[in-house]
Amino acid sequence: MGNMFHRKIVFITGASSGIGEAIAVELARHSTRLALFARRQERLEQVAKTVEGIGAEGVMTLPGDVRDMESLNGAVESVEKAWGRIDMAFLSAGVGQPTTLRTYHVERMRETVEINLLGVINATGALLPLFRRQGGGLLVGVSSLADGRGSPLNLAYCASKSGMTNFLEGLRAGCTREGIRVVVVKPGFVRTPMSADNRFSMPFLVEPDAAARAILRGIRRGRRTIRFPWPMACLTAVCNRLPAPLYERLMQALTSSWR
């Protein structure tokens, strides 16, 4: 297949930290031009310096919020005006704030859904017209292995990722004939600022650079859905197939031990 990333123009949300930053660093090694979108301007500038030093042919920092369509539309228009197109988009902006029954925080849940789910819907809305005008593109959404079933340990996160996965799968089914490839990424636990506050065990924890390499490797291999690490993917698959009463008993046991 050759180097499918070489000198491509790439738009990344959530590029200031975590998986988004790691993807930017990995793609910089392929002489890409990177459009980095996130809320924190200072962090974006730091990431920009890093990727320029690694080998990115061009970098744009685009401060904005995925909850704001105006900032997303403006960012996509800026990239098109400067570089003519966007070949690939990685939608990795997300939050994982704990939202449990014990501390039922409606505002925190709303923010989680707005960023994780509506943020992807908004970004797609900004990118889709450009992809259609140019006759294709790659859209990669970072969901989660936690998208299969609800959990009392993180109510809003699981719900938002489930909605995101379903949205992306529907998008893929509708866009294939237009030359738009949609890839759903389902990581397990990744060591990021988002997971740093987790007060529960995170088995098979993956480093951000390893996560980014797994994502790019899966894209190169033509995967429609990319799951990693494999032990966590297998464990999650088993849990997703448990009968409801057994699954609920397991969740009750985990909840009672999470003190």
C-alpha atoms as a PDB file:
ATOM      1  CA  MET A   1       0.000   0.000   0.000  1.00  0.00           C
ATOM      2  CA  GLY A   2       2.964   2.305   0.471  1.00  0.00           C
ATOM      3  CA  ASN A   3       2.898   5.189   2.900  1.00  0.00           C
ATOM      4  CA  MET A   4      -0.732   6.309   2.853  1.00  0.00           C
ATOM      5  CA  PHE A   5      -0.001   9.094   5.347  1.00  0.00           C
ATOM      6  CA  HIS A   6       2.912  10.693   3.493  1.00  0.00           C
ATOM      7  CA  ARG A   7       2.396  14.454   2.986  1.00  0.00           C
ATOM      8  CA  LYS A   8      -1.317  14.245   3.749  1.00  0.00           C
ATOM      9  CA  ILE A   9      -3.276  17.159   5.209  1.00  0.00           C
ATOM     10  CA  VAL A  10      -4.743  16.091   8.549  1.00  0.00           C
ATOM     11  CA  PHE A  11      -7.273  17.747  10.859  1.00  0.00           C
ATOM     12  CA  ILE A  12      -7.194  16.608  14.507  1.00  0.00           C
ATOM     13  CA  THR A  13      -9.621  17.543  17.291  1.00  0.00           C
ATOM     14  CA  GLY A  14      -8.490  17.108  20.862  1.00  0.00           C
ATOM     15  CA  ALA A  15      -4.949  17.672  19.617  1.00  0.00           C
ATOM     16  CA  SER A  16      -3.608  19.348  22.746  1.00  0.00           C
ATOM     17  CA  SER A  17      -3.177  16.162  24.800  1.00  0.00           C
ATOM     18  CA  GLY A  18      -3.780  12.429  25.060  1.00  0.00           C
ATOM     19  CA  ILE A  19      -4.501  10.338  21.996  1.00  0.00           C
ATOM     20  CA  GLY A  20      -4.960  13.388  19.762  1.00  0.00           C
ATOM     21  CA  GLU A  21      -1.512  14.717  20.601  1.00  0.00           C
ATOM     22  CA  ALA A  22       0.034  11.267  20.176  1.00  0.00           C
ATOM     23  CA  ILE A  23      -1.562  10.877  16.729  1.00  0.00           C
ATOM     24  CA  ALA A  24      -0.183  14.284  15.714  1.00  0.00           C
ATOM     25  CA  VAL A  25       3.318  13.242  16.819  1.00  0.00           C
ATOM     26  CA  GLU A  26       3.160   9.951  14.920  1.00  0.00           C
ATOM     27  CA  LEU A  27       1.803  11.591  11.765  1.00  0.00           C
ATOM     28  CA  ALA A  28       4.503  14.264  11.876  1.00  0.00           C
ATOM     29  CA  ARG A  29       7.010  11.519  11.022  1.00  0.00           C
ATOM     30  CA  HIS A  30       5.246  11.148   7.652  1.00  0.00           C
ATOM     31  CA  SER A  31       5.837  14.758   6.503  1.00  0.00           C
ATOM     32  CA  THR A  32       2.177  15.605   6.994  1.00  0.00           C
ATOM     33  CA  ARG A  33       0.576  19.017   7.329  1.00  0.00           C
ATOM     34  CA  LEU A  34      -1.321  19.117  10.601  1.00  0.00           C
ATOM     35  CA  ALA A  35      -4.295  21.265  11.608  1.00  0.00           C
ATOM     36  CA  LEU A  36      -4.499  21.044  15.400  1.00  0.00           C
ATOM     37  CA  PHE A  37      -7.852  21.889  17.003  1.00  0.00           C
ATOM     38  CA  ALA A  38      -8.452  22.070  20.769  1.00  0.00           C
ATOM     39  CA  ARG A  39      -9.536  24.461  23.497  1.00  0.00           C
ATOM     40  CA  ARG A  40      -6.125  25.249  24.993  1.00  0.00           C
ATOM     41  CA  GLN A  41      -4.107  27.616  22.792  1.00  0.00           C
ATOM     42  CA  GLU A  42      -0.945  27.374  24.915  1.00  0.00           C
ATOM     43  CA  ARG A  43      -0.908  23.571  24.768  1.00  0.00           C
ATOM     44  CA  LEU A  44      -1.597  23.643  21.029  1.00  0.00           C
ATOM     45  CA  GLU A  45       1.441  25.853  20.526  1.00  0.00           C
ATOM     46  CA  GLN A  46       3.586  23.404  22.486  1.00  0.00           C
ATOM     47  CA  VAL A  47       2.341  20.467  20.416  1.00  0.00           C
ATOM     48  CA  ALA A  48       2.951  22.491  17.241  1.00  0.00           C
ATOM     49  CA  LYS A  49       6.589  23.040  18.184  1.00  0.00           C
ATOM     50  CA  THR A  50       7.009  19.349  18.911  1.00  0.00           C
ATOM     51  CA  VAL A  51       5.581  18.133  15.617  1.00  0.00           C
ATOM     52  CA  GLU A  52       7.504  20.750  13.622  1.00  0.00           C
ATOM     53  CA  GLY A  53      10.711  19.442  15.192  1.00  0.00           C
ATOM     54  CA  ILE A  54       9.791  15.870  14.260  1.00  0.00           C
ATOM     55  CA  GLY A  55       9.116  16.552  10.605  1.00  0.00           C
ATOM     56  CA  ALA A  56       5.661  17.979   9.949  1.00  0.00           C
ATOM     57  CA  GLU A  57       5.694  20.009   6.726  1.00  0.00           C
ATOM     58  CA  GLY A  58       3.242  22.528   8.109  1.00  0.00           C
ATOM     59  CA  VAL A  59       1.253  23.134  11.279  1.00  0.00           C
ATOM     60  CA  MET A  60      -1.825  25.228  12.027  1.00  0.00           C
ATOM     61  CA  THR A  61      -3.101  25.793  15.568  1.00  0.00           C
ATOM     62  CA  LEU A  62      -6.850  26.270  15.691  1.00  0.00           C
ATOM     63  CA  PRO A  63      -8.176  27.050  19.174  1.00  0.00           C
ATOM     64  CA  GLY A  64     -11.832  26.165  19.533  1.00  0.00           C
ATOM     65  CA  ASP A  65     -14.453  23.996  21.189  1.00  0.00           C
ATOM     66  CA  VAL A  66     -16.120  21.011  19.493  1.00  0.00           C
ATOM     67  CA  ARG A  67     -19.395  22.111  21.097  1.00  0.00           C
ATOM     68  CA  ASP A  68     -19.275  25.285  19.004  1.00  0.00           C
ATOM     69  CA  MET A  69     -20.205  24.818  15.326  1.00  0.00           C
ATOM     70  CA  GLU A  70     -18.969  28.294  14.444  1.00  0.00           C
ATOM     71  CA  SER A  71     -15.436  27.572  15.641  1.00  0.00           C
ATOM     72  CA  LEU A  72     -15.396  24.206  13.852  1.00  0.00           C
ATOM     73  CA  ASN A  73     -16.698  25.653  10.590  1.00  0.00           C
ATOM     74  CA  GLY A  74     -14.153  28.460  10.841  1.00  0.00           C
ATOM     75  CA  ALA A  75     -11.313  26.012  11.486  1.00  0.00           C
ATOM     76  CA  VAL A  76     -12.200  23.801   8.513  1.00  0.00           C
ATOM     77  CA  GLU A  77     -12.555  26.850   6.276  1.00  0.00           C
ATOM     78  CA  SER A  78      -9.144  28.121   7.411  1.00  0.00           C
ATOM     79  CA  VAL A  79      -7.487  24.818   6.529  1.00  0.00           C
ATOM     80  CA  GLU A  80      -9.192  24.661   3.133  1.00  0.00           C
ATOM     81  CA  LYS A  81      -8.212  28.245   2.373  1.00  0.00           C
ATOM     82  CA  ALA A  82      -4.581  27.698   3.376  1.00  0.00           C
ATOM     83  CA  TRP A  83      -3.971  24.160   2.065  1.00  0.00           C
ATOM     84  CA  GLY A  84      -6.834  23.481  -0.355  1.00  0.00           C
ATOM     85  CA  ARG A  85      -8.194  20.287   1.190  1.00  0.00           C
ATOM     86  CA  ILE A  86      -8.316  17.947   4.194  1.00  0.00           C
ATOM     87  CA  ASP A  87      -7.351  14.360   3.444  1.00  0.00           C
ATOM     88  CA  MET A  88      -7.910  12.906   6.902  1.00  0.00           C
ATOM     89  CA  ALA A  89      -9.658  13.915  10.107  1.00  0.00           C
ATOM     90  CA  PHE A  90      -9.118  12.367  13.533  1.00  0.00           C
ATOM     91  CA  LEU A  91     -11.893  13.210  15.988  1.00  0.00           C
ATOM     92  CA  SER A  92     -10.343  12.542  19.383  1.00  0.00           C
ATOM     93  CA  ALA A  93     -11.694  15.342  21.574  1.00  0.00           C
ATOM     94  CA  GLY A  94     -13.286  13.803  24.641  1.00  0.00           C
ATOM     95  CA  VAL A  95     -13.742  13.849  28.391  1.00  0.00           C
ATOM     96  CA  GLY A  96     -14.093  10.997  30.865  1.00  0.00           C
ATOM     97  CA  GLN A  97     -15.299  12.688  34.033  1.00  0.00           C
ATOM     98  CA  PRO A  98     -16.724  10.165  36.519  1.00  0.00           C
ATOM     99  CA  THR A  99     -20.526  10.310  36.526  1.00  0.00           C
ATOM    100  CA  THR A 100     -21.972   7.801  38.975  1.00  0.00           C
ATOM    101  CA  LEU A 101     -25.300   7.184  40.698  1.00  0.00           C
ATOM    102  CA  ARG A 102     -23.741   8.092  44.021  1.00  0.00           C
ATOM    103  CA  THR A 103     -22.713  11.527  42.787  1.00  0.00           C
ATOM    104  CA  TYR A 104     -25.407  12.153  40.201  1.00  0.00           C
ATOM    105  CA  HIS A 105     -24.064  15.318  38.563  1.00  0.00           C
ATOM    106  CA  VAL A 106     -26.374  16.394  35.728  1.00  0.00           C
ATOM    107  CA  GLU A 107     -24.180  19.236  34.464  1.00  0.00           C
ATOM    108  CA  ARG A 108     -21.140  16.981  34.313  1.00  0.00           C
ATOM    109  CA  MET A 109     -23.163  14.379  32.409  1.00  0.00           C
ATOM    110  CA  ARG A 110     -24.408  16.989  29.973  1.00  0.00           C
ATOM    111  CA  GLU A 111     -20.868  18.223  29.327  1.00  0.00           C
ATOM    112  CA  THR A 112     -19.665  14.656  28.740  1.00  0.00           C
ATOM    113  CA  VAL A 113     -22.383  13.970  26.174  1.00  0.00           C
ATOM    114  CA  GLU A 114     -21.947  17.353  24.496  1.00  0.00           C
ATOM    115  CA  ILE A 115     -18.193  16.900  24.024  1.00  0.00           C
ATOM    116  CA  ASN A 116     -17.986  13.163  23.327  1.00  0.00           C
ATOM    117  CA  LEU A 117     -21.082  12.711  21.171  1.00  0.00           C
ATOM    118  CA  LEU A 118     -22.297  16.088  19.945  1.00  0.00           C
ATOM    119  CA  GLY A 119     -18.683  17.155  19.404  1.00  0.00           C
ATOM    120  CA  VAL A 120     -18.240  14.347  16.869  1.00  0.00           C
ATOM    121  CA  ILE A 121     -21.571  15.187  15.228  1.00  0.00           C
ATOM    122  CA  ASN A 122     -20.537  18.848  15.000  1.00  0.00           C
ATOM    123  CA  ALA A 123     -17.074  18.106  13.619  1.00  0.00           C
ATOM    124  CA  THR A 124     -18.570  15.770  11.027  1.00  0.00           C
ATOM    125  CA  GLY A 125     -21.010  18.476  10.041  1.00  0.00           C
ATOM    126  CA  ALA A 126     -18.106  20.855   9.424  1.00  0.00           C
ATOM    127  CA  LEU A 127     -16.011  18.303   7.510  1.00  0.00           C
ATOM    128  CA  LEU A 128     -18.613  16.496   5.414  1.00  0.00           C
ATOM    129  CA  PRO A 129     -19.288  19.287   2.880  1.00  0.00           C
ATOM    130  CA  LEU A 130     -15.544  19.589   2.187  1.00  0.00           C
ATOM    131  CA  PHE A 131     -15.094  15.823   1.844  1.00  0.00           C
ATOM    132  CA  ARG A 132     -17.977  15.773  -0.615  1.00  0.00           C
ATOM    133  CA  ARG A 133     -16.581  18.675  -2.650  1.00  0.00           C
ATOM    134  CA  GLN A 134     -13.181  17.046  -2.948  1.00  0.00           C
ATOM    135  CA  GLY A 135     -14.594  13.584  -3.675  1.00  0.00           C
ATOM    136  CA  GLY A 136     -13.570  11.737  -0.537  1.00  0.00           C
ATOM    137  CA  GLY A 137     -11.654  11.667   2.706  1.00  0.00           C
ATOM    138  CA  LEU A 138     -10.882   9.637   5.807  1.00  0.00           C
ATOM    139  CA  LEU A 139     -12.766  10.288   9.052  1.00  0.00           C
ATOM    140  CA  VAL A 140     -11.545   8.520  12.191  1.00  0.00           C
ATOM    141  CA  GLY A 141     -13.553   8.735  15.401  1.00  0.00           C
ATOM    142  CA  VAL A 142     -12.072   7.730  18.749  1.00  0.00           C
ATOM    143  CA  SER A 143     -14.818   5.921  20.656  1.00  0.00           C
ATOM    144  CA  SER A 144     -14.140   3.331  23.374  1.00  0.00           C
ATOM    145  CA  LEU A 145     -14.364  -0.345  24.287  1.00  0.00           C
ATOM    146  CA  ALA A 146     -16.825   0.924  26.925  1.00  0.00           C
ATOM    147  CA  ASP A 147     -19.456   1.582  24.241  1.00  0.00           C
ATOM    148  CA  GLY A 148     -21.110  -1.851  24.493  1.00  0.00           C
ATOM    149  CA  ARG A 149     -23.054  -1.685  27.761  1.00  0.00           C
ATOM    150  CA  GLY A 150     -23.940   0.847  30.417  1.00  0.00           C
ATOM    151  CA  SER A 151     -21.966   1.010  33.641  1.00  0.00           C
ATOM    152  CA  PRO A 152     -22.920   2.547  36.997  1.00  0.00           C
ATOM    153  CA  LEU A 153     -19.252   3.504  37.361  1.00  0.00           C
ATOM    154  CA  ASN A 154     -19.471   5.997  34.489  1.00  0.00           C
ATOM    155  CA  LEU A 155     -23.014   6.532  33.270  1.00  0.00           C
ATOM    156  CA  ALA A 156     -22.542   9.417  30.848  1.00  0.00           C
ATOM    157  CA  TYR A 157     -19.219   8.281  29.378  1.00  0.00           C
ATOM    158  CA  CYS A 158     -20.538   4.863  28.332  1.00  0.00           C
ATOM    159  CA  ALA A 159     -23.735   6.416  26.970  1.00  0.00           C
ATOM    160  CA  SER A 160     -21.830   9.042  24.983  1.00  0.00           C
ATOM    161  CA  LYS A 161     -19.442   6.505  23.454  1.00  0.00           C
ATOM    162  CA  SER A 162     -22.285   4.149  22.572  1.00  0.00           C
ATOM    163  CA  GLY A 163     -24.035   6.990  20.763  1.00  0.00           C
ATOM    164  CA  MET A 164     -20.805   7.999  19.055  1.00  0.00           C
ATOM    165  CA  THR A 165     -20.150   4.484  17.757  1.00  0.00           C
ATOM    166  CA  ASN A 166     -23.686   4.156  16.412  1.00  0.00           C
ATOM    167  CA  PHE A 167     -23.455   7.573  14.757  1.00  0.00           C
ATOM    168  CA  LEU A 168     -20.164   6.720  13.053  1.00  0.00           C
ATOM    169  CA  GLU A 169     -21.410   3.324  11.883  1.00  0.00           C
ATOM    170  CA  GLY A 170     -24.464   4.974  10.351  1.00  0.00           C
ATOM    171  CA  LEU A 171     -22.251   7.601   8.743  1.00  0.00           C
ATOM    172  CA  ARG A 172     -20.025   4.909   7.264  1.00  0.00           C
ATOM    173  CA  ALA A 173     -22.967   3.036   5.788  1.00  0.00           C
ATOM    174  CA  GLY A 174     -24.243   6.206   4.156  1.00  0.00           C
ATOM    175  CA  CYS A 175     -20.952   7.642   2.886  1.00  0.00           C
ATOM    176  CA  THR A 176     -19.130   4.671   1.374  1.00  0.00           C
ATOM    177  CA  ARG A 177     -20.310   5.393  -2.165  1.00  0.00           C
ATOM    178  CA  GLU A 178     -19.055   8.974  -1.849  1.00  0.00           C
ATOM    179  CA  GLY A 179     -15.477   7.848  -1.287  1.00  0.00           C
ATOM    180  CA  ILE A 180     -15.573   8.786   2.396  1.00  0.00           C
ATOM    181  CA  ARG A 181     -14.000   6.159   4.628  1.00  0.00           C
ATOM    182  CA  VAL A 182     -15.114   6.074   8.270  1.00  0.00           C
ATOM    183  CA  VAL A 183     -13.089   4.237  10.907  1.00  0.00           C
ATOM    184  CA  VAL A 184     -14.225   3.665  14.492  1.00  0.00           C
ATOM    185  CA  VAL A 185     -11.470   3.364  17.092  1.00  0.00           C
ATOM    186  CA  LYS A 186     -12.229   1.544  20.343  1.00  0.00           C
ATOM    187  CA  PRO A 187      -9.359   1.785  22.818  1.00  0.00           C
ATOM    188  CA  GLY A 188      -9.280   0.351  26.289  1.00  0.00           C
ATOM    189  CA  PHE A 189      -7.621   2.320  29.067  1.00  0.00           C
ATOM    190  CA  VAL A 190      -4.982   4.770  27.811  1.00  0.00           C
ATOM    191  CA  ARG A 191      -2.664   6.761  30.074  1.00  0.00           C
ATOM    192  CA  THR A 192      -3.884  10.304  29.390  1.00  0.00           C
ATOM    193  CA  PRO A 193      -4.867  13.345  31.476  1.00  0.00           C
ATOM    194  CA  MET A 194      -8.462  12.137  31.057  1.00  0.00           C
ATOM    195  CA  SER A 195      -7.743   8.825  32.825  1.00  0.00           C
ATOM    196  CA  ALA A 196      -5.424  10.281  35.468  1.00  0.00           C
ATOM    197  CA  ASP A 197      -8.263  10.907  37.928  1.00  0.00           C
ATOM    198  CA  ASN A 198      -9.766   7.419  37.672  1.00  0.00           C
ATOM    199  CA  ARG A 199     -10.028   5.905  41.137  1.00  0.00           C
ATOM    200  CA  PHE A 200     -10.512   2.352  39.911  1.00  0.00           C
ATOM    201  CA  SER A 201      -8.205  -0.281  38.460  1.00  0.00           C
ATOM    202  CA  MET A 202      -7.322   0.169  34.779  1.00  0.00           C
ATOM    203  CA  PRO A 203      -6.188  -3.241  33.467  1.00  0.00           C
ATOM    204  CA  PHE A 204      -3.973  -3.460  30.371  1.00  0.00           C
ATOM    205  CA  LEU A 205      -3.233   0.285  30.458  1.00  0.00           C
ATOM    206  CA  VAL A 206      -1.766   1.527  27.155  1.00  0.00           C
ATOM    207  CA  GLU A 207       0.649   4.429  26.661  1.00  0.00           C
ATOM    208  CA  PRO A 208      -0.535   7.200  24.260  1.00  0.00           C
ATOM    209  CA  ASP A 209       2.241   6.624  21.714  1.00  0.00           C
ATOM    210  CA  ALA A 210       1.410   2.909  21.542  1.00  0.00           C
ATOM    211  CA  ALA A 211      -2.269   3.798  21.103  1.00  0.00           C
ATOM    212  CA  ALA A 212      -1.448   6.143  18.211  1.00  0.00           C
ATOM    213  CA  ARG A 213       0.672   3.481  16.495  1.00  0.00           C
ATOM    214  CA  ALA A 214      -2.131   0.922  16.888  1.00  0.00           C
ATOM    215  CA  ILE A 215      -4.595   3.341  15.300  1.00  0.00           C
ATOM    216  CA  LEU A 216      -2.388   4.135  12.295  1.00  0.00           C
ATOM    217  CA  ARG A 217      -1.539   0.458  11.857  1.00  0.00           C
ATOM    218  CA  GLY A 218      -5.230  -0.440  11.818  1.00  0.00           C
ATOM    219  CA  ILE A 219      -5.969   2.262   9.255  1.00  0.00           C
ATOM    220  CA  ARG A 220      -3.158   1.020   7.003  1.00  0.00           C
ATOM    221  CA  ARG A 221      -4.586  -2.502   7.208  1.00  0.00           C
ATOM    222  CA  GLY A 222      -7.991  -1.320   6.073  1.00  0.00           C
ATOM    223  CA  ARG A 223      -9.781  -1.952   9.352  1.00  0.00           C
ATOM    224  CA  ARG A 224     -13.266  -0.515   9.741  1.00  0.00           C
ATOM    225  CA  THR A 225     -13.130  -0.862  13.526  1.00  0.00           C
ATOM    226  CA  ILE A 226      -9.886  -0.792  15.504  1.00  0.00           C
ATOM    227  CA  ARG A 227      -9.907  -2.355  18.985  1.00  0.00           C
ATOM    228  CA  PHE A 228      -6.947  -2.470  21.385  1.00  0.00           C
ATOM    229  CA  PRO A 229      -5.302  -3.746  23.479  1.00  0.00           C
ATOM    230  CA  TRP A 230      -6.422  -7.237  22.533  1.00  0.00           C
ATOM    231  CA  PRO A 231      -6.684  -8.646  26.108  1.00  0.00           C
ATOM    232  CA  MET A 232      -9.036  -5.819  27.089  1.00  0.00           C
ATOM    233  CA  ALA A 233     -10.968  -6.158  23.829  1.00  0.00           C
ATOM    234  CA  CYS A 234     -11.498  -9.871  24.538  1.00  0.00           C
ATOM    235  CA  LEU A 235     -12.530  -9.223  28.136  1.00  0.00           C
ATOM    236  CA  THR A 236     -14.991  -6.550  27.036  1.00  0.00           C
ATOM    237  CA  ALA A 237     -16.444  -8.815  24.355  1.00  0.00           C
ATOM    238  CA  VAL A 238     -17.138 -11.474  26.991  1.00  0.00           C
ATOM    239  CA  CYS A 239     -18.772  -8.936  29.324  1.00  0.00           C
ATOM    240  CA  ASN A 240     -20.933  -7.607  26.495  1.00  0.00           C
ATOM    241  CA  ARG A 241     -22.302 -11.102  25.905  1.00  0.00           C
ATOM    242  CA  LEU A 242     -23.191 -11.875  29.505  1.00  0.00           C
ATOM    243  CA  PRO A 243     -26.911 -12.350  30.265  1.00  0.00           C
ATOM    244  CA  ALA A 244     -28.393  -9.194  31.770  1.00  0.00           C
ATOM    245  CA  PRO A 245     -28.899 -10.592  35.307  1.00  0.00           C
ATOM    246  CA  LEU A 246     -25.297 -11.824  35.463  1.00  0.00           C
ATOM    247  CA  TYR A 247     -23.929  -8.561  34.060  1.00  0.00           C
ATOM    248  CA  GLU A 248     -25.917  -6.563  36.599  1.00  0.00           C
ATOM    249  CA  ARG A 249     -24.576  -8.700  39.452  1.00  0.00           C
ATOM    250  CA  LEU A 250     -21.042  -8.114  38.185  1.00  0.00           C
ATOM    251  CA  MET A 251     -21.625  -4.348  38.037  1.00  0.00           C
ATOM    252  CA  GLN A 252     -23.087  -4.389  41.542  1.00  0.00           C
ATOM    253  CA  ALA A 253     -20.000  -6.175  42.832  1.00  0.00           C
ATOM    254  CA  LEU A 254     -17.674  -3.708  41.117  1.00  0.00           C
ATOM    255  CA  THR A 255     -19.674  -0.750  42.395  1.00  0.00           C
ATOM    256  CA  SER A 256     -19.628  -1.988  45.983  1.00  0.00           C
ATOM    257  CA  SER A 257     -15.836  -2.429  45.829  1.00  0.00           C
ATOM    258  CA  TRP A 258     -15.282   1.050  44.409  1.00  0.00           C
ATOM    259  CA  ARG A 259     -15.113   3.079  47.597  1.00  0.00           C
END
